[in-house]
């Protein structure tokens, strides 16, 4: 274990050796192992958007084994997916890379801004997962129910040595569509995930928009002119950098935009990317080449 990883783990002062060992598994895995930066492959889009919208563009991706193998061959830090996807490859790929069990999910037909609990800590233990993952929607009418759910799940996970990853996506309520990606809202959402006890926090890259009228004075004179500076503000909002913060790759975009996002995350002190559709919706060779370049960027080589 590198000094960098030891320093990160030292920030989690209440956690038992099991949780720290599982965080260490993720931080020491793959091409970025030991650097303090991560690239995680999440494949929960089948639940969120449906199989054809997620996988028809690259039919090989219908097979859960494809994603395990892609993450391994690319030297990624971890693979995150819902229960059935991990169950479908758990034996074949046991011990080959850390997995994160996504324990709540939604679908594209639902009218409410909420997710159902679709997995549990017992499943994560049975499947050898390093962490559970959970989405909250700060701003939604049901956000307090979701916070109470992750409080219980996270406490159970920590008691048996499993880490917690929280996807914190502001949505619903009084938030405008532009406000979902606003700097003040994104930093607030990340801070809430930290307050809820997340070990790893996943948020979207913020714009320079300030949504909350009551927050505008606090941001007077704040330089949000570059994405790297906005990333730095989100990281600072997570206990002054004492929590691991990774940023979503978002909807499909061009490779050059992804590379610039990675440079901005790196330069802003973020801990890396969690990137799904932008990898598995590309042909495998193209995805591997893109991920290899992302790794080089996070290593400071490009």
Protein backbone atom coordinates (compact mmCIF):
# COMPACT_ATOMS: atom_id res chain seq x y z
CA UNK A 1 0.00 0.00 0.00
CA UNK A 2 1.40 3.37 -1.00
CA UNK A 3 1.80 6.38 1.30
CA UNK A 4 -0.84 8.18 -0.78
CA UNK A 5 -3.44 5.49 -0.11
CA UNK A 6 -2.48 5.28 3.57
CA UNK A 7 -3.04 9.04 3.87
CA UNK A 8 -6.49 8.74 2.25
CA UNK A 9 -7.51 5.88 4.53
CA UNK A 10 -6.35 7.85 7.58
CA UNK A 11 -9.14 10.36 6.87
CA UNK A 12 -11.76 7.71 7.70
CA UNK A 13 -11.24 7.86 11.43
CA UNK A 14 -14.28 5.88 12.62
CA UNK A 15 -14.05 2.96 10.25
CA UNK A 16 -13.04 -0.59 11.10
CA UNK A 17 -10.24 -2.53 9.38
CA UNK A 18 -12.72 -4.29 7.10
CA UNK A 19 -14.00 -1.06 5.57
CA UNK A 20 -10.47 0.29 5.19
CA UNK A 21 -9.34 -2.97 3.60
CA UNK A 22 -12.15 -2.75 1.04
CA UNK A 23 -11.41 0.90 0.31
CA UNK A 24 -7.79 -0.14 -0.04
CA UNK A 25 -8.79 -2.84 -2.54
CA UNK A 26 -10.39 -0.19 -4.75
CA UNK A 27 -7.57 2.34 -4.32
CA UNK A 28 -4.85 -0.23 -5.05
CA UNK A 29 -6.53 -1.91 -8.03
CA UNK A 30 -5.54 -1.64 -11.67
CA UNK A 31 -3.47 0.84 -13.63
CA UNK A 32 -4.14 3.67 -11.18
CA UNK A 33 -3.53 1.54 -8.09
CA UNK A 34 -1.76 3.47 -5.36
CA UNK A 35 -2.12 6.90 -6.97
CA UNK A 36 -5.21 8.05 -5.07
CA UNK A 37 -7.15 8.40 -8.32
CA UNK A 38 -9.81 6.05 -9.67
CA UNK A 39 -11.65 5.13 -12.82
CA UNK A 40 -14.76 3.07 -12.06
CA UNK A 41 -17.04 1.37 -14.60
CA UNK A 42 -20.76 1.66 -13.67
CA UNK A 43 -23.31 -0.39 -15.59
CA UNK A 44 -26.73 0.39 -14.12
CA UNK A 45 -28.09 2.00 -17.27
CA UNK A 46 -30.19 -1.06 -18.18
CA UNK A 47 -32.33 -0.36 -15.12
CA UNK A 48 -32.42 3.37 -15.72
CA UNK A 49 -32.91 3.52 -19.50
CA UNK A 50 -33.72 -0.01 -20.74
CA UNK A 51 -31.61 -2.66 -22.50
CA UNK A 52 -31.90 -1.45 -26.09
CA UNK A 53 -31.13 2.19 -25.26
CA UNK A 54 -28.15 1.02 -23.25
CA UNK A 55 -26.67 -1.87 -25.21
CA UNK A 56 -28.06 -2.10 -28.77
CA UNK A 57 -25.35 0.25 -30.07
CA UNK A 58 -22.77 -2.36 -28.95
CA UNK A 59 -24.58 -5.73 -28.75
CA UNK A 60 -21.70 -7.43 -26.95
CA UNK A 61 -22.63 -5.28 -23.95
CA UNK A 62 -25.85 -7.20 -23.38
CA UNK A 63 -23.61 -9.85 -21.75
CA UNK A 64 -22.69 -9.06 -18.12
CA UNK A 65 -19.34 -10.83 -18.60
CA UNK A 66 -18.43 -8.20 -21.21
CA UNK A 67 -18.37 -5.49 -18.56
CA UNK A 68 -16.37 -7.46 -16.02
CA UNK A 69 -13.78 -8.24 -18.69
CA UNK A 70 -13.70 -4.67 -19.99
CA UNK A 71 -12.99 -3.33 -16.50
CA UNK A 72 -10.27 -5.93 -15.93
CA UNK A 73 -8.58 -5.51 -19.32
CA UNK A 74 -8.64 -1.72 -19.01
CA UNK A 75 -7.06 -1.91 -15.53
CA UNK A 76 -9.94 -0.04 -13.89
CA UNK A 77 -10.39 0.49 -10.16
CA UNK A 78 -13.79 -1.18 -9.70
CA UNK A 79 -17.00 -2.27 -11.42
CA UNK A 80 -20.41 -1.10 -10.16
CA UNK A 81 -23.72 -2.72 -11.15
CA UNK A 82 -27.11 -3.85 -9.83
CA UNK A 83 -27.67 -7.24 -8.24
CA UNK A 84 -28.42 -9.36 -11.30
CA UNK A 85 -25.48 -8.05 -13.33
CA UNK A 86 -22.99 -8.86 -10.59
CA UNK A 87 -24.59 -12.24 -9.86
CA UNK A 88 -24.21 -13.14 -13.55
CA UNK A 89 -20.41 -12.90 -13.38
CA UNK A 90 -19.63 -13.23 -9.69
CA UNK A 91 -18.13 -16.70 -9.85
CA UNK A 92 -16.17 -16.35 -13.08
CA UNK A 93 -14.58 -13.07 -11.99
CA UNK A 94 -14.34 -13.64 -8.23
CA UNK A 95 -11.30 -11.88 -6.81
CA UNK A 96 -10.25 -10.31 -10.10
CA UNK A 97 -11.48 -6.78 -9.39
CA UNK A 98 -13.44 -4.97 -6.66
CA UNK A 99 -17.18 -4.77 -7.25
CA UNK A 100 -19.72 -2.24 -5.99
CA UNK A 101 -23.28 -3.49 -5.59
CA UNK A 102 -25.76 -0.78 -6.63
CA UNK A 103 -28.53 -1.36 -4.08
CA UNK A 104 -31.20 1.01 -5.38
CA UNK A 105 -32.50 1.65 -8.88
CA UNK A 106 -35.19 3.43 -10.88
CA UNK A 107 -36.59 3.10 -14.40
CA UNK A 108 -37.57 5.42 -17.22
CA UNK A 109 -41.34 4.97 -16.71
CA UNK A 110 -41.50 6.11 -13.09
CA UNK A 111 -43.16 9.48 -12.51
CA UNK A 112 -41.71 10.11 -9.05
CA UNK A 113 -38.13 11.16 -8.33
CA UNK A 114 -37.15 8.15 -6.25
CA UNK A 115 -35.51 4.73 -6.46
CA UNK A 116 -36.44 1.29 -5.16
CA UNK A 117 -34.11 -0.67 -2.91
CA UNK A 118 -33.11 -3.61 -5.13
CA UNK A 119 -30.22 -5.17 -3.21
CA UNK A 120 -28.91 -5.50 0.31
CA UNK A 121 -25.78 -5.76 2.40
CA UNK A 122 -26.31 -9.52 2.63
CA UNK A 123 -26.09 -9.68 -1.16
CA UNK A 124 -22.90 -7.62 -1.14
CA UNK A 125 -21.34 -9.98 1.40
CA UNK A 126 -22.45 -13.08 -0.50
CA UNK A 127 -20.99 -11.73 -3.76
CA UNK A 128 -17.71 -10.51 -2.25
CA UNK A 129 -18.35 -6.84 -3.03
CA UNK A 130 -16.03 -4.15 -1.71
CA UNK A 131 -18.83 -1.58 -1.39
CA UNK A 132 -22.51 -0.84 -1.80
CA UNK A 133 -23.68 2.02 -4.00
CA UNK A 134 -26.81 4.11 -3.48
CA UNK A 135 -28.39 7.09 -5.27
CA UNK A 136 -29.99 10.00 -3.46
CA UNK A 137 -31.86 12.87 -5.14
CA UNK A 138 -31.42 15.96 -2.97
CA UNK A 139 -34.32 18.29 -3.70
CA UNK A 140 -36.83 15.56 -4.53
CA UNK A 141 -40.00 15.17 -2.49
CA UNK A 142 -38.86 11.71 -1.39
CA UNK A 143 -35.25 12.66 -0.62
CA UNK A 144 -35.66 12.24 3.13
CA UNK A 145 -36.90 8.68 2.69
CA UNK A 146 -33.86 7.93 0.55
CA UNK A 147 -31.54 9.45 3.15
CA UNK A 148 -33.09 7.29 5.86
CA UNK A 149 -32.70 4.20 3.67
CA UNK A 150 -29.01 4.79 3.03
CA UNK A 151 -28.43 5.61 6.68
CA UNK A 152 -29.65 2.12 7.61
CA UNK A 153 -27.92 0.34 4.73
CA UNK A 154 -24.63 2.17 5.30
CA UNK A 155 -24.65 1.41 9.04
CA UNK A 156 -25.21 -2.28 8.27
CA UNK A 157 -22.49 -2.27 5.61
CA UNK A 158 -19.96 -0.60 7.88
CA UNK A 159 -20.69 -3.09 10.65
CA UNK A 160 -19.56 -5.94 8.39
CA UNK A 161 -16.62 -4.14 6.80
CA UNK A 162 -18.16 -2.97 3.51
CA UNK A 163 -17.69 0.57 2.19
CA UNK A 164 -20.43 2.93 0.97
CA UNK A 165 -20.57 4.89 -2.28
CA UNK A 166 -23.29 7.55 -2.65
CA UNK A 167 -24.44 8.90 -6.01
CA UNK A 168 -25.75 12.38 -5.09
CA UNK A 169 -27.82 13.83 -7.93
CA UNK A 170 -29.87 16.97 -7.20
CA UNK A 171 -33.27 16.68 -8.88
CA UNK A 172 -36.90 17.59 -8.36
CA UNK A 173 -38.57 19.96 -5.92
CA UNK A 174 -37.83 23.62 -6.56
CA UNK A 175 -34.71 22.96 -8.64
CA UNK A 176 -34.71 24.15 -12.23
CA UNK A 177 -33.19 21.92 -14.93
CA UNK A 178 -30.24 24.31 -15.12
CA UNK A 179 -30.00 24.19 -11.34
CA UNK A 180 -29.38 20.43 -11.28
CA UNK A 181 -25.84 21.11 -12.50
CA UNK A 182 -25.31 24.44 -10.72
CA UNK A 183 -22.08 24.89 -8.77
CA UNK A 184 -23.74 25.73 -5.47
CA UNK A 185 -26.22 22.87 -5.81
CA UNK A 186 -23.55 20.31 -6.77
CA UNK A 187 -21.31 21.29 -3.87
CA UNK A 188 -24.28 21.12 -1.49
CA UNK A 189 -25.27 17.68 -2.81
CA UNK A 190 -21.71 16.39 -2.41
CA UNK A 191 -21.56 17.76 1.13
CA UNK A 192 -24.82 16.01 2.00
CA UNK A 193 -23.36 12.70 0.81
CA UNK A 194 -20.35 13.27 3.05
CA UNK A 195 -22.65 14.08 5.98
CA UNK A 196 -24.56 10.85 5.34
CA UNK A 197 -21.34 8.88 5.87
CA UNK A 198 -20.27 8.07 2.32
CA UNK A 199 -16.73 6.85 1.82
CA UNK A 200 -16.82 7.62 -1.92
CA UNK A 201 -19.02 10.41 -3.30
CA UNK A 202 -20.17 10.48 -6.92
CA UNK A 203 -21.49 13.75 -8.37
CA UNK A 204 -21.83 15.40 -11.76
CA UNK A 205 -19.43 18.02 -13.04
CA UNK A 206 -20.88 21.46 -12.16
CA UNK A 207 -21.46 24.47 -14.37
CA UNK A 208 -20.78 28.05 -13.23
CA UNK A 209 -24.50 28.71 -12.64
CA UNK A 210 -25.58 29.66 -9.10
CA UNK A 211 -29.11 28.42 -8.47
CA UNK A 212 -30.00 29.27 -4.89
CA UNK A 213 -30.90 32.90 -4.27
CA UNK A 214 -29.80 32.57 -0.63
CA UNK A 215 -26.38 31.26 -1.74
CA UNK A 216 -25.58 34.01 -4.22
CA UNK A 217 -23.97 36.31 -1.65
CA UNK A 218 -21.69 33.50 -0.45
CA UNK A 219 -20.44 33.08 -4.02
CA UNK A 220 -19.79 36.77 -4.68
CA UNK A 221 -16.20 37.14 -5.88
CA UNK A 222 -15.78 33.35 -6.23
CA UNK A 223 -13.88 32.48 -9.39
CA UNK A 224 -15.85 29.71 -11.12
CA UNK A 225 -14.47 30.49 -14.56
CA UNK A 226 -12.87 27.08 -15.17
CA UNK A 227 -14.12 23.57 -14.63
CA UNK A 228 -11.02 22.71 -12.60
CA UNK A 229 -11.82 25.52 -10.14
CA UNK A 230 -15.39 24.27 -9.85
CA UNK A 231 -14.14 20.73 -9.19
CA UNK A 232 -11.85 22.10 -6.48
CA UNK A 233 -14.83 23.76 -4.80
CA UNK A 234 -16.83 20.51 -4.78
CA UNK A 235 -13.85 18.63 -3.34
CA UNK A 236 -13.41 21.29 -0.65
CA UNK A 237 -17.11 20.90 0.21
CA UNK A 238 -16.47 17.23 1.04
CA UNK A 239 -14.74 17.89 4.37
CA UNK A 240 -11.87 19.85 2.79
CA UNK A 241 -10.85 16.88 0.68
CA UNK A 242 -11.10 14.26 3.44
CA UNK A 243 -13.50 12.19 1.36
CA UNK A 244 -12.98 10.52 -2.01
CA UNK A 245 -14.90 12.39 -4.74
CA UNK A 246 -15.39 11.03 -8.25
CA UNK A 247 -17.28 12.64 -11.09
CA UNK A 248 -19.79 11.16 -13.50
CA UNK A 249 -19.03 10.82 -17.19
CA UNK A 250 -22.64 11.69 -18.00
CA UNK A 251 -24.35 11.16 -21.33
CA UNK A 252 -22.43 9.97 -24.37
CA UNK A 253 -19.99 12.60 -25.62
CA UNK A 254 -16.91 12.90 -27.78
CA UNK A 255 -13.59 11.50 -26.61
CA UNK A 256 -11.90 14.92 -26.57
CA UNK A 257 -14.55 16.25 -24.17
CA UNK A 258 -13.99 13.25 -21.88
CA UNK A 259 -10.25 13.82 -21.88
CA UNK A 260 -10.69 17.48 -20.99
CA UNK A 261 -13.08 16.55 -18.19
CA UNK A 262 -10.44 14.17 -16.79
CA UNK A 263 -7.75 16.87 -16.91
CA UNK A 264 -10.06 19.28 -15.10
CA UNK A 265 -10.94 16.67 -12.46
CA UNK A 266 -7.24 15.93 -11.96
CA UNK A 267 -6.24 19.59 -11.81
CA UNK A 268 -9.09 20.39 -9.43
CA UNK A 269 -8.00 17.70 -6.97
CA UNK A 270 -10.82 15.25 -7.69
CA UNK A 271 -10.24 11.53 -7.25
CA UNK A 272 -11.25 10.44 -10.74
CA UNK A 273 -14.11 9.39 -12.98
CA UNK A 274 -16.97 6.93 -12.85
CA UNK A 275 -17.74 6.42 -16.51
CA UNK A 276 -20.24 4.02 -18.07
CA UNK A 277 -22.03 4.76 -21.36
CA UNK A 278 -19.01 6.57 -22.75
CA UNK A 279 -17.08 3.30 -22.55
CA UNK A 280 -19.36 0.32 -23.09
CA UNK A 281 -21.33 1.96 -25.90
CA UNK A 282 -18.13 2.18 -27.95
CA UNK A 283 -16.50 -0.78 -29.75
CA UNK A 284 -14.29 -2.66 -27.30
CA UNK A 285 -10.96 -1.71 -28.88
CA UNK A 286 -11.97 1.95 -28.99
CA UNK A 287 -13.14 1.83 -25.37
CA UNK A 288 -9.88 0.26 -24.23
CA UNK A 289 -7.83 2.87 -26.06
CA UNK A 290 -9.92 5.67 -24.56
CA UNK A 291 -9.65 4.27 -21.04
CA UNK A 292 -5.89 3.85 -21.44
CA UNK A 293 -5.61 7.54 -22.32
CA UNK A 294 -7.77 8.51 -19.34
CA UNK A 295 -5.41 6.54 -17.10
CA UNK A 296 -2.42 8.38 -18.57
CA UNK A 297 -4.16 11.71 -17.95
CA UNK A 298 -4.81 10.85 -14.31
CA UNK A 299 -1.18 9.81 -13.96
CA UNK A 300 -0.18 13.24 -15.24
CA UNK A 301 1.41 11.77 -18.35
CA UNK A 302 -0.82 13.63 -20.83
